[in-house]
């Protein structure tokens, strides 16, 4: 099931520019930055999900994984 989409019209160019700058400062796309802002404004707590993400990252820290390109290529040839 696709997620709902939201369209915001008639934002002033100065607002867009400030949002782009904020996104750049957080190393996110404008769309990702807007998601963060809207979740925060709606009172959605992302902290549990972020903690789980950090736990998963810690589980894989220092591990290296092989390049799967060849496996994908072989699978596509079947």
C-alpha atoms as a PDB file:
ATOM      1  CA  UNK A   1       0.000   0.000   0.000  1.00  0.00           C
ATOM      2  CA  UNK A   2       1.582   3.321  -1.048  1.00  0.00           C
ATOM      3  CA  UNK A   3       2.046   6.034   1.531  1.00  0.00           C
ATOM      4  CA  UNK A   4      -0.084   9.167   1.243  1.00  0.00           C
ATOM      5  CA  UNK A   5       1.486  12.155  -0.492  1.00  0.00           C
ATOM      6  CA  UNK A   6       1.216  15.819   0.422  1.00  0.00           C
ATOM      7  CA  UNK A   7       1.589  18.778  -1.905  1.00  0.00           C
ATOM      8  CA  UNK A   8       2.295  22.233  -0.482  1.00  0.00           C
ATOM      9  CA  UNK A   9       1.643  25.086  -2.857  1.00  0.00           C
ATOM     10  CA  UNK A  10       2.664  28.731  -2.926  1.00  0.00           C
ATOM     11  CA  UNK A  11       5.635  28.701  -0.559  1.00  0.00           C
ATOM     12  CA  UNK A  12       7.702  31.840  -0.830  1.00  0.00           C
ATOM     13  CA  UNK A  13      11.119  31.404  -2.496  1.00  0.00           C
ATOM     14  CA  UNK A  14      12.824  32.659   0.681  1.00  0.00           C
ATOM     15  CA  UNK A  15      11.178  29.848   2.683  1.00  0.00           C
ATOM     16  CA  UNK A  16      12.291  27.244   0.175  1.00  0.00           C
ATOM     17  CA  UNK A  17      15.831  28.634   0.227  1.00  0.00           C
ATOM     18  CA  UNK A  18      15.967  28.509   4.045  1.00  0.00           C
ATOM     19  CA  UNK A  19      14.654  24.933   4.037  1.00  0.00           C
ATOM     20  CA  UNK A  20      17.255  23.908   1.448  1.00  0.00           C
ATOM     21  CA  UNK A  21      19.986  25.479   3.563  1.00  0.00           C
ATOM     22  CA  UNK A  22      18.741  23.680   6.668  1.00  0.00           C
ATOM     23  CA  UNK A  23      18.660  20.381   4.754  1.00  0.00           C
ATOM     24  CA  UNK A  24      22.193  20.951   3.506  1.00  0.00           C
ATOM     25  CA  UNK A  25      23.403  21.664   7.057  1.00  0.00           C
ATOM     26  CA  UNK A  26      21.910  18.344   8.200  1.00  0.00           C
ATOM     27  CA  UNK A  27      23.299  16.526   5.136  1.00  0.00           C
ATOM     28  CA  UNK A  28      19.816  15.566   3.959  1.00  0.00           C
ATOM     29  CA  UNK A  29      17.772  16.133   0.853  1.00  0.00           C
ATOM     30  CA  UNK A  30      15.080  18.802   1.006  1.00  0.00           C
ATOM     31  CA  UNK A  31      12.438  16.082   1.020  1.00  0.00           C
ATOM     32  CA  UNK A  32      14.084  14.219   3.907  1.00  0.00           C
ATOM     33  CA  UNK A  33      14.420  17.461   5.871  1.00  0.00           C
ATOM     34  CA  UNK A  34      10.740  18.234   5.345  1.00  0.00           C
ATOM     35  CA  UNK A  35       9.818  14.757   6.615  1.00  0.00           C
ATOM     36  CA  UNK A  36      11.817  15.379   9.793  1.00  0.00           C
ATOM     37  CA  UNK A  37      10.206  18.790  10.315  1.00  0.00           C
ATOM     38  CA  UNK A  38       6.695  17.456   9.736  1.00  0.00           C
ATOM     39  CA  UNK A  39       7.179  14.439  12.020  1.00  0.00           C
ATOM     40  CA  UNK A  40       8.450  16.728  14.756  1.00  0.00           C
ATOM     41  CA  UNK A  41       5.554  19.165  14.254  1.00  0.00           C
ATOM     42  CA  UNK A  42       3.067  16.283  14.416  1.00  0.00           C
ATOM     43  CA  UNK A  43       4.585  15.026  17.646  1.00  0.00           C
ATOM     44  CA  UNK A  44       5.793  11.737  16.193  1.00  0.00           C
ATOM     45  CA  UNK A  45       8.660  10.392  18.321  1.00  0.00           C
ATOM     46  CA  UNK A  46      11.353   8.931  16.098  1.00  0.00           C
ATOM     47  CA  UNK A  47      13.762   8.277  18.985  1.00  0.00           C
ATOM     48  CA  UNK A  48      12.905   4.564  19.416  1.00  0.00           C
ATOM     49  CA  UNK A  49      13.463   3.950  15.699  1.00  0.00           C
ATOM     50  CA  UNK A  50      16.750   5.875  15.783  1.00  0.00           C
ATOM     51  CA  UNK A  51      17.948   3.840  18.772  1.00  0.00           C
ATOM     52  CA  UNK A  52      17.118   0.616  16.931  1.00  0.00           C
ATOM     53  CA  UNK A  53      19.004   1.871  13.882  1.00  0.00           C
ATOM     54  CA  UNK A  54      22.063   2.652  16.032  1.00  0.00           C
ATOM     55  CA  UNK A  55      21.879  -0.842  17.557  1.00  0.00           C
ATOM     56  CA  UNK A  56      21.771  -2.466  14.117  1.00  0.00           C
ATOM     57  CA  UNK A  57      24.649  -0.294  12.884  1.00  0.00           C
ATOM     58  CA  UNK A  58      26.687  -1.319  15.934  1.00  0.00           C
ATOM     59  CA  UNK A  59      25.995  -5.001  15.168  1.00  0.00           C
ATOM     60  CA  UNK A  60      27.525  -4.578  11.710  1.00  0.00           C
ATOM     61  CA  UNK A  61      30.326  -2.161  12.668  1.00  0.00           C
ATOM     62  CA  UNK A  62      33.688  -3.228  11.301  1.00  0.00           C
ATOM     63  CA  UNK A  63      32.280  -5.951   9.075  1.00  0.00           C
ATOM     64  CA  UNK A  64      32.920  -5.926   5.373  1.00  0.00           C
ATOM     65  CA  UNK A  65      30.655  -7.410   2.783  1.00  0.00           C
ATOM     66  CA  UNK A  66      31.496  -8.760  -0.622  1.00  0.00           C
ATOM     67  CA  UNK A  67      30.369  -7.025  -3.776  1.00  0.00           C
ATOM     68  CA  UNK A  68      27.123  -8.639  -4.914  1.00  0.00           C
ATOM     69  CA  UNK A  69      27.314  -7.316  -8.470  1.00  0.00           C
ATOM     70  CA  UNK A  70      28.382 -10.641  -9.964  1.00  0.00           C
ATOM     71  CA  UNK A  71      25.661 -12.563  -8.106  1.00  0.00           C
ATOM     72  CA  UNK A  72      23.017 -10.137  -9.364  1.00  0.00           C
ATOM     73  CA  UNK A  73      24.350 -10.435 -12.902  1.00  0.00           C
ATOM     74  CA  UNK A  74      24.167 -14.240 -12.741  1.00  0.00           C
ATOM     75  CA  UNK A  75      20.660 -14.111 -11.307  1.00  0.00           C
ATOM     76  CA  UNK A  76      19.466 -11.849 -14.128  1.00  0.00           C
ATOM     77  CA  UNK A  77      20.820 -14.247 -16.741  1.00  0.00           C
ATOM     78  CA  UNK A  78      18.614 -17.094 -15.528  1.00  0.00           C
END
